[in-house]
Amino acid sequence: MHVYFSGIGGTGLGPLALIAKQAGFEVSGSDKQDSQYIHYLQSKGVQNIHIGQDYAAIADIHAKTPIDWFIYTTAVTSEQDSPPELIFCEEHAIRISKRDELLNYILETKKLNLLAVAGTHGKTTTTAMAIWLFKQLDLPISYSVGAKIPFGEMGTYDSSSEYFVYEADEYARNFLAFEPYMSLITGIDWDHPDIYPTRQEYEDAFRKFIGQSRTNIVWKNDANNLAIAESSRNIILSEHDELLSQITIPGMVNRKDALQVVTALHTITQVSLEKLIKHMNRFPGVSRRFEQIATNIYTDYAHTPPKIQGALQVAEEVAGSDVVVVYEGLHNTRQHFIKDELKHLFDDTKQLYIVPSYLAREDPNLPLLTPEDLRDLLSEDTQQKTIPSQLDDKLKQAILTHVKNGDLVLCLTAGGGNSLDEWLRQTFI
């Protein structure tokens, strides 16, 4: 079967493309721009990738090897009124779907139990932690993770595995396509107002997802908010669990993610909590999650206020009060949504640089919030130590000066092509 991925360079479709290739599918695809993810896929044998999403290119690929299944992301239809690749597939009666339908097909045909990680934040780190523990126990595992990890590929299919670990995204209600064997709910805080106009709708989606899962591991605060009672299918963890003190990974948000994974693997394998925690304390981390780019320069994907608070807490554990932040908002739409929460978010930072937000899936009716606009939303004290900036040599020199002075520079960035994260890697590595 030949599967074509439109948006193959994204963190959702990229790993799935690798999985499909390893599972025996013919794989090709396209993306609107070149990126490090594209190069990564090509290095793993997914060579037939076209930059640009146009009618002629997909027609040429189809003429050489007929496409059976066209997989696309929400961005394809939200950013283009008449996506030419989609039109081509409709004209040629090619099967069309989002990624979830293909993944469910793989789960069913390969007889895999789905271990899903869902929540507003922490999904990627928690997914990576689960993969890490399976590997430390020498248990075969298939998985998809939305970032590079130092101990495996972004996506892997192992024919001898019993479980598939998956980062189940709530955007566009994607996670509701699954009925997991077990779900880990990392934390619920209203997000994606373009999909869920109210907090009630967002929480209702999680209630439904939890109801579709055979077993759930949920934090007590979230369980209380969703009116979910502890039962044989719902394992409720306390935010003050004494086991958290035995986990030595930097950052409370990371320690909580780790406890959920330890609980899940203990439930599945019956391996002792003590042994699992010992393995977890050696977890090497994930790309773009407090990842060190160079001496005292870190990149982190944190983009919602709770996740930003978590990233700042990790940085403060490492560097105390000597934390400098470079902030790239993920989506202009989200900056409008969280603008009231931004006011005091960076009060404790030593210095703040704000660069232009990373734009994608935007509401055209909302004015663009510039770095200067975002600075004006902050508290008066924070405004005094905030510098609107661009990804240029001036910012580079400022970062180098902070590093020389012993500061930790935490870059909160969207990632992807032309982002702050990509600029950091091109500039400092």
Protein backbone atom coordinates (compact mmCIF):
# COMPACT_ATOMS: atom_id res chain seq x y z
CA MET A 1 0.00 0.00 0.00
CA HIS A 2 1.30 3.47 -0.97
CA VAL A 3 0.56 6.18 1.63
CA TYR A 4 1.16 9.85 0.84
CA PHE A 5 1.56 12.29 3.77
CA SER A 6 0.71 15.95 3.14
CA GLY A 7 2.58 17.86 5.86
CA ILE A 8 5.09 15.07 6.37
CA GLY A 9 7.59 17.37 8.08
CA GLY A 10 5.29 17.97 11.06
CA THR A 11 5.75 16.36 14.46
CA GLY A 12 2.48 14.47 14.04
CA LEU A 13 2.86 13.07 10.53
CA GLY A 14 6.64 12.66 10.49
CA PRO A 15 6.77 9.86 13.09
CA LEU A 16 3.71 8.18 11.56
CA ALA A 17 5.45 8.18 8.17
CA LEU A 18 8.40 6.34 9.73
CA ILE A 19 6.05 3.85 11.37
CA ALA A 20 4.21 3.23 8.11
CA LYS A 21 7.49 2.60 6.30
CA GLN A 22 8.67 0.13 8.98
CA ALA A 23 5.29 -1.58 8.90
CA GLY A 24 5.76 -2.32 5.20
CA PHE A 25 3.99 0.58 3.45
CA GLU A 26 5.32 2.55 0.50
CA VAL A 27 5.71 6.11 1.83
CA SER A 28 5.93 9.49 0.10
CA GLY A 29 4.82 13.01 0.98
CA SER A 30 5.17 16.76 0.84
CA ASP A 31 5.55 19.81 3.03
CA LYS A 32 5.18 23.53 2.41
CA GLN A 33 8.77 24.18 3.52
CA ASP A 34 12.06 22.42 4.03
CA SER A 35 13.13 21.76 7.63
CA GLN A 36 15.36 19.71 9.87
CA TYR A 37 12.50 17.22 10.25
CA ILE A 38 12.44 16.69 6.49
CA HIS A 39 16.18 15.98 6.50
CA TYR A 40 15.71 13.63 9.44
CA LEU A 41 13.06 11.63 7.57
CA GLN A 42 15.22 11.48 4.47
CA SER A 43 18.13 10.15 6.54
CA LYS A 44 15.83 7.35 7.71
CA GLY A 45 14.94 6.25 4.19
CA VAL A 46 11.82 8.33 3.46
CA GLN A 47 13.31 9.86 0.31
CA ASN A 48 10.29 10.66 -1.86
CA ILE A 49 9.43 14.05 -0.31
CA HIS A 50 8.44 17.12 -2.34
CA ILE A 51 8.83 20.65 -0.95
CA GLY A 52 5.73 22.54 -1.97
CA GLN A 53 2.20 21.14 -2.00
CA ASP A 54 1.04 21.37 -5.59
CA TYR A 55 -1.07 19.41 -8.06
CA ALA A 56 1.72 18.59 -10.55
CA ALA A 57 4.07 17.09 -7.96
CA ILE A 58 1.55 14.67 -6.46
CA ALA A 59 0.35 13.77 -9.97
CA ASP A 60 3.92 12.86 -10.92
CA ILE A 61 4.36 10.67 -7.84
CA HIS A 62 0.99 8.98 -8.45
CA ALA A 63 1.92 8.29 -12.09
CA LYS A 64 5.06 6.44 -11.02
CA THR A 65 3.56 4.54 -8.07
CA PRO A 66 -0.24 4.86 -7.60
CA ILE A 67 -1.19 6.37 -4.24
CA ASP A 68 -3.68 4.32 -2.22
CA TRP A 69 -4.12 6.55 0.84
CA PHE A 70 -3.71 10.32 1.29
CA ILE A 71 -3.08 11.52 4.87
CA TYR A 72 -3.23 15.23 5.65
CA THR A 73 -3.08 17.57 8.64
CA THR A 74 -5.60 20.18 9.75
CA ALA A 75 -3.15 22.87 8.64
CA VAL A 76 -3.54 21.78 5.00
CA THR A 77 -7.22 22.73 4.90
CA SER A 78 -7.04 25.66 7.34
CA GLU A 79 -4.26 27.40 5.41
CA GLN A 80 -5.54 26.70 1.86
CA ASP A 81 -9.07 27.24 0.55
CA SER A 82 -8.65 24.61 -2.18
CA PRO A 83 -5.63 22.41 -1.38
CA PRO A 84 -4.38 21.17 -4.78
CA GLU A 85 -3.18 17.81 -3.42
CA LEU A 86 -6.56 17.15 -1.84
CA ILE A 87 -8.31 18.08 -5.09
CA PHE A 88 -6.07 15.67 -7.02
CA CYS A 89 -6.91 12.80 -4.65
CA GLU A 90 -10.64 13.51 -4.83
CA GLU A 91 -10.46 13.50 -8.64
CA HIS A 92 -8.61 10.16 -8.65
CA ALA A 93 -10.74 8.40 -6.00
CA ILE A 94 -7.81 8.05 -3.61
CA ARG A 95 -8.70 7.28 0.01
CA ILE A 96 -8.42 10.47 2.12
CA SER A 97 -8.21 10.80 5.90
CA LYS A 98 -6.44 12.38 8.86
CA ARG A 99 -3.62 10.49 10.59
CA ASP A 100 -5.85 8.90 13.23
CA GLU A 101 -7.63 6.64 10.76
CA LEU A 102 -4.33 5.28 9.49
CA LEU A 103 -2.98 4.75 13.00
CA ASN A 104 -6.15 2.91 14.03
CA TYR A 105 -5.72 0.72 10.95
CA ILE A 106 -2.16 -0.11 12.01
CA LEU A 107 -3.22 -0.79 15.61
CA GLU A 108 -5.99 -3.13 14.46
CA THR A 109 -4.09 -5.02 11.79
CA LYS A 110 -0.94 -5.39 13.93
CA LYS A 111 -2.98 -6.21 17.08
CA LEU A 112 -1.40 -3.55 19.29
CA ASN A 113 -2.69 -2.22 22.64
CA LEU A 114 -2.72 1.60 22.66
CA LEU A 115 -1.04 3.36 25.58
CA ALA A 116 -2.18 6.95 24.99
CA VAL A 117 -0.74 10.10 26.56
CA ALA A 118 -3.18 13.03 26.55
CA GLY A 119 -3.37 16.41 28.25
CA THR A 120 -2.88 20.10 27.65
CA HIS A 121 0.84 19.95 28.33
CA GLY A 122 3.61 17.43 28.98
CA LYS A 123 2.47 14.92 26.36
CA THR A 124 5.76 14.63 24.49
CA THR A 125 7.94 14.30 27.58
CA THR A 126 5.58 11.75 29.15
CA THR A 127 5.41 9.74 25.92
CA ALA A 128 9.22 9.72 25.72
CA MET A 129 9.45 8.61 29.36
CA ALA A 130 7.16 5.65 28.66
CA ILE A 131 9.28 4.64 25.66
CA TRP A 132 12.41 4.95 27.84
CA LEU A 133 11.03 2.65 30.54
CA PHE A 134 9.91 0.00 28.06
CA LYS A 135 13.41 0.04 26.59
CA GLN A 136 15.08 -0.17 30.01
CA LEU A 137 12.98 -3.24 30.78
CA ASP A 138 14.00 -4.77 27.42
CA LEU A 139 10.36 -4.92 26.34
CA PRO A 140 9.68 -4.43 22.61
CA ILE A 141 7.66 -1.29 21.97
CA SER A 142 6.11 0.57 19.03
CA TYR A 143 5.50 4.28 19.40
CA SER A 144 5.09 7.76 17.99
CA VAL A 145 6.60 10.77 19.77
CA GLY A 146 6.47 14.39 18.67
CA ALA A 147 10.18 15.16 19.11
CA LYS A 148 13.60 13.67 18.56
CA ILE A 149 14.78 11.45 21.40
CA PRO A 150 18.38 10.34 22.04
CA PHE A 151 17.43 6.70 22.61
CA GLY A 152 15.33 5.95 19.51
CA GLU A 153 13.59 7.24 16.42
CA MET A 154 10.64 9.64 16.42
CA GLY A 155 8.45 6.77 15.29
CA THR A 156 9.00 3.02 15.45
CA TYR A 157 7.05 -0.09 14.60
CA ASP A 158 8.36 -3.30 16.22
CA SER A 159 6.60 -6.42 14.95
CA SER A 160 7.22 -8.19 18.28
CA SER A 161 5.65 -5.45 20.41
CA GLU A 162 2.39 -5.75 22.34
CA TYR A 163 1.94 -2.04 23.09
CA PHE A 164 1.94 1.18 21.07
CA VAL A 165 2.75 4.41 22.96
CA TYR A 166 1.13 7.45 21.38
CA GLU A 167 0.96 11.18 22.01
CA ALA A 168 -2.80 11.68 21.67
CA ASP A 169 -3.45 15.29 20.67
CA GLU A 170 -6.73 16.95 21.58
CA TYR A 171 -6.48 19.55 18.78
CA ALA A 172 -9.40 19.20 16.34
CA ARG A 173 -10.66 16.47 18.72
CA ASN A 174 -8.14 14.06 17.19
CA PHE A 175 -7.80 11.96 20.35
CA LEU A 176 -11.48 11.05 20.30
CA ALA A 177 -10.77 8.71 17.37
CA PHE A 178 -9.15 6.21 19.76
CA GLU A 179 -10.23 3.72 22.40
CA PRO A 180 -6.99 3.20 24.35
CA TYR A 181 -5.98 0.23 26.44
CA MET A 182 -4.62 2.78 28.94
CA SER A 183 -4.53 6.58 28.99
CA LEU A 184 -2.27 8.90 30.96
CA ILE A 185 -3.83 12.36 31.45
CA THR A 186 -0.93 14.72 32.11
CA GLY A 187 -3.00 17.75 33.08
CA ILE A 188 -6.00 19.65 31.77
CA ASP A 189 -5.97 23.42 31.28
CA TRP A 190 -8.24 25.02 28.68
CA ASP A 191 -6.48 25.50 25.32
CA HIS A 192 -7.27 25.67 21.57
CA PRO A 193 -10.17 28.15 21.77
CA ASP A 194 -10.52 27.89 17.99
CA ILE A 195 -11.73 24.31 18.50
CA TYR A 196 -13.18 24.57 22.02
CA PRO A 197 -14.81 28.00 22.46
CA THR A 198 -15.48 27.34 26.17
CA ARG A 199 -13.68 25.58 29.01
CA GLN A 200 -16.75 23.36 29.36
CA GLU A 201 -16.38 22.04 25.79
CA TYR A 202 -12.68 21.38 26.34
CA GLU A 203 -13.29 19.47 29.56
CA ASP A 204 -16.22 17.57 28.02
CA ALA A 205 -13.88 16.30 25.31
CA PHE A 206 -11.51 14.94 27.95
CA ARG A 207 -14.40 13.33 29.84
CA LYS A 208 -15.40 11.56 26.66
CA PHE A 209 -11.82 10.47 25.95
CA ILE A 210 -11.42 9.12 29.48
CA GLY A 211 -14.71 7.26 29.05
CA GLN A 212 -13.36 5.61 25.90
CA SER A 213 -10.23 4.30 27.67
CA ARG A 214 -10.12 0.95 29.42
CA THR A 215 -7.87 2.31 32.18
CA ASN A 216 -6.91 5.90 33.05
CA ILE A 217 -4.24 7.50 35.22
CA VAL A 218 -5.39 10.98 36.25
CA TRP A 219 -4.22 13.62 38.71
CA LYS A 220 -6.52 14.30 41.65
CA ASN A 221 -7.13 17.96 40.76
CA ASP A 222 -8.19 17.02 37.23
CA ALA A 223 -10.32 14.14 38.50
CA ASN A 224 -12.09 16.52 40.87
CA ASN A 225 -12.67 19.11 38.12
CA LEU A 226 -14.08 16.46 35.77
CA ALA A 227 -16.05 14.67 38.52
CA ILE A 228 -14.20 11.41 37.88
CA ALA A 229 -14.21 8.96 40.77
CA GLU A 230 -11.45 6.49 41.57
CA SER A 231 -12.36 2.98 40.45
CA SER A 232 -10.89 -0.17 38.96
CA ARG A 233 -10.54 1.71 35.66
CA ASN A 234 -9.53 5.13 37.02
CA ILE A 235 -6.25 5.39 38.96
CA ILE A 236 -6.16 8.77 40.74
CA LEU A 237 -2.74 10.16 41.71
CA SER A 238 -2.15 12.81 44.37
CA GLU A 239 -0.10 15.87 43.49
CA HIS A 240 1.62 15.32 46.85
CA ASP A 241 2.41 11.62 46.41
CA GLU A 242 5.44 10.71 48.52
CA LEU A 243 6.96 8.86 45.56
CA LEU A 244 7.63 12.22 43.89
CA SER A 245 10.44 12.79 46.40
CA GLN A 246 12.20 9.65 45.14
CA ILE A 247 12.27 10.91 41.55
CA THR A 248 15.34 13.09 40.97
CA ILE A 249 14.67 14.48 37.47
CA PRO A 250 14.92 18.32 37.45
CA GLY A 251 11.57 20.11 37.54
CA MET A 252 8.37 19.26 39.37
CA VAL A 253 6.39 19.06 36.12
CA ASN A 254 8.84 16.43 34.88
CA ARG A 255 8.72 14.52 38.14
CA LYS A 256 4.94 14.38 37.94
CA ASP A 257 5.09 13.15 34.33
CA ALA A 258 7.57 10.50 35.47
CA LEU A 259 5.30 9.31 38.30
CA GLN A 260 2.43 8.77 35.87
CA VAL A 261 4.66 6.65 33.62
CA VAL A 262 6.07 4.67 36.55
CA THR A 263 2.51 3.97 37.72
CA ALA A 264 1.47 2.87 34.22
CA LEU A 265 4.41 0.51 33.71
CA HIS A 266 3.98 -0.91 37.21
CA THR A 267 0.31 -1.61 36.43
CA ILE A 268 1.16 -3.24 33.08
CA THR A 269 4.28 -5.21 34.00
CA GLN A 270 4.12 -5.60 37.80
CA VAL A 271 7.78 -4.54 37.96
CA SER A 272 8.43 -2.89 41.35
CA LEU A 273 8.00 0.86 41.71
CA GLU A 274 11.50 1.04 43.21
CA LYS A 275 13.09 -0.51 40.12
CA LEU A 276 11.05 1.63 37.73
CA ILE A 277 11.97 4.85 39.56
CA LYS A 278 15.65 3.86 39.45
CA HIS A 279 15.40 3.52 35.67
CA MET A 280 13.41 6.75 35.37
CA ASN A 281 16.01 8.77 37.26
CA ARG A 282 18.39 8.09 34.37
CA PHE A 283 15.97 9.51 31.77
CA PRO A 284 18.12 11.52 29.31
CA GLY A 285 15.46 14.01 28.21
CA VAL A 286 13.78 14.98 24.94
CA SER A 287 14.58 17.37 22.12
CA ARG A 288 13.13 20.86 22.71
CA ARG A 289 12.13 20.07 26.31
CA PHE A 290 14.69 21.99 28.36
CA GLU A 291 17.23 20.80 25.82
CA GLN A 292 20.71 22.27 26.08
CA ILE A 293 21.74 23.80 22.74
CA ALA A 294 25.08 25.16 23.96
CA THR A 295 26.62 26.17 27.29
CA ASN A 296 23.86 27.83 29.32
CA ILE A 297 21.49 28.05 26.31
CA TYR A 298 18.33 25.93 26.45
CA THR A 299 15.35 25.48 24.13
CA ASP A 300 11.90 24.50 25.36
CA TYR A 301 8.58 23.99 23.56
CA ALA A 302 6.54 25.42 26.46
CA HIS A 303 3.76 27.56 24.98
CA THR A 304 0.82 27.57 27.42
CA PRO A 305 1.06 29.47 30.74
CA PRO A 306 1.16 26.31 32.93
CA LYS A 307 3.85 24.76 30.75
CA ILE A 308 5.83 28.02 30.69
CA GLN A 309 5.62 28.14 34.49
CA GLY A 310 6.92 24.57 34.57
CA ALA A 311 9.84 25.39 32.26
CA LEU A 312 10.72 28.43 34.35
CA GLN A 313 10.64 26.30 37.51
CA VAL A 314 13.08 23.81 35.94
CA ALA A 315 15.39 26.67 34.93
CA GLU A 316 15.25 28.18 38.41
CA GLU A 317 16.16 24.81 39.96
CA VAL A 318 19.29 24.87 37.81
CA ALA A 319 20.25 28.57 37.85
CA GLY A 320 18.37 30.24 40.70
CA SER A 321 17.58 33.87 39.91
CA ASP A 322 19.98 34.07 36.95
CA VAL A 323 17.38 33.08 34.34
CA VAL A 324 17.03 35.07 31.11
CA VAL A 325 14.13 34.24 28.76
CA VAL A 326 13.70 34.59 25.01
CA TYR A 327 9.99 34.21 24.24
CA GLU A 328 8.48 33.20 20.90
CA GLY A 329 4.71 32.80 21.17
CA LEU A 330 3.21 29.80 19.43
CA HIS A 331 0.39 31.26 17.29
CA ASN A 332 -0.88 34.83 17.34
CA THR A 333 -4.36 33.44 18.11
CA ARG A 334 -3.06 31.87 21.32
CA GLN A 335 -1.38 35.14 22.39
CA HIS A 336 -4.80 36.82 22.26
CA PHE A 337 -6.27 33.94 24.23
CA ILE A 338 -3.64 34.05 27.02
CA LYS A 339 -2.87 37.76 27.07
CA ASP A 340 -4.31 38.29 30.57
CA GLU A 341 -2.18 35.42 31.90
CA LEU A 342 0.97 36.90 30.39
CA LYS A 343 0.94 39.89 32.74
CA HIS A 344 2.88 38.31 35.60
CA LEU A 345 4.21 35.18 33.86
CA PHE A 346 7.76 36.52 33.52
CA ASP A 347 7.97 38.67 36.66
CA ASP A 348 10.78 36.61 38.19
CA THR A 349 13.03 36.51 35.12
CA LYS A 350 16.28 38.49 35.11
CA GLN A 351 15.74 39.72 31.54
CA LEU A 352 13.12 39.02 28.87
CA TYR A 353 13.47 39.20 25.09
CA ILE A 354 10.31 38.87 22.98
CA VAL A 355 10.62 37.88 19.32
CA PRO A 356 7.78 37.68 16.75
CA SER A 357 5.29 34.88 17.34
CA TYR A 358 5.37 31.75 15.20
CA LEU A 359 2.36 31.98 12.90
CA ALA A 360 0.18 29.02 11.84
CA ARG A 361 -3.55 28.23 11.85
CA GLU A 362 -4.30 31.90 12.62
CA ASP A 363 -7.60 33.71 12.98
CA PRO A 364 -7.39 36.39 10.27
CA ASN A 365 -9.82 38.59 12.21
CA LEU A 366 -7.36 39.07 15.08
CA PRO A 367 -4.73 41.82 14.83
CA LEU A 368 -1.12 40.69 14.88
CA LEU A 369 0.42 41.17 18.32
CA THR A 370 3.98 42.38 17.78
CA PRO A 371 6.80 41.95 20.32
CA GLU A 372 6.10 45.54 21.39
CA ASP A 373 2.39 44.75 21.85
CA LEU A 374 3.19 41.69 23.95
CA ARG A 375 5.61 43.70 26.11
CA ASP A 376 2.83 46.21 26.81
CA LEU A 377 0.68 43.40 28.23
CA LEU A 378 3.21 42.65 30.97
CA SER A 379 3.41 44.14 34.46
CA GLU A 380 5.17 47.51 34.73
CA ASP A 381 8.24 46.04 36.43
CA THR A 382 8.61 43.30 33.80
CA GLN A 383 8.23 45.81 30.98
CA GLN A 384 11.32 47.60 32.28
CA LYS A 385 13.46 44.50 31.73
CA THR A 386 11.83 43.42 28.43
CA ILE A 387 13.41 44.00 25.00
CA PRO A 388 11.36 43.48 21.79
CA SER A 389 13.74 41.67 19.43
CA GLN A 390 14.26 39.92 16.11
CA LEU A 391 16.16 36.76 15.21
CA ASP A 392 19.30 38.65 14.23
CA ASP A 393 22.91 39.31 15.19
CA LYS A 394 21.86 41.79 17.88
CA LEU A 395 19.95 39.05 19.72
CA LYS A 396 22.85 36.64 19.18
CA GLN A 397 25.29 39.02 20.82
CA ALA A 398 22.91 39.68 23.72
CA ILE A 399 22.60 35.92 24.37
CA LEU A 400 26.38 35.48 24.22
CA THR A 401 26.82 38.30 26.74
CA HIS A 402 24.38 36.66 29.15
CA VAL A 403 26.15 33.33 28.77
CA LYS A 404 29.51 35.00 29.47
CA ASN A 405 28.04 36.54 32.63
CA GLY A 406 26.87 33.11 33.85
CA ASP A 407 23.14 33.49 33.15
CA LEU A 408 20.97 30.61 31.95
CA VAL A 409 19.19 31.59 28.72
CA LEU A 410 15.87 29.78 28.38
CA CYS A 411 14.37 30.06 24.89
CA LEU A 412 10.64 29.34 24.78
CA THR A 413 10.04 28.47 21.15
CA ALA A 414 7.54 26.92 18.78
CA GLY A 415 10.03 24.86 16.80
CA GLY A 416 9.72 24.05 13.11
CA GLY A 417 10.93 25.87 10.02
CA ASN A 418 12.02 29.51 10.53
CA SER A 419 11.35 29.36 14.27
CA LEU A 420 13.47 30.57 17.18
CA ASP A 421 14.45 26.95 17.81
CA GLU A 422 15.79 26.52 14.27
CA TRP A 423 17.62 29.85 14.49
CA LEU A 424 19.27 28.77 17.75
CA ARG A 425 20.54 25.53 16.20
CA GLN A 426 21.87 27.35 13.14
CA THR A 427 23.48 30.08 15.25
CA PHE A 428 24.94 28.31 18.27
CA ILE A 429 25.64 24.70 17.24
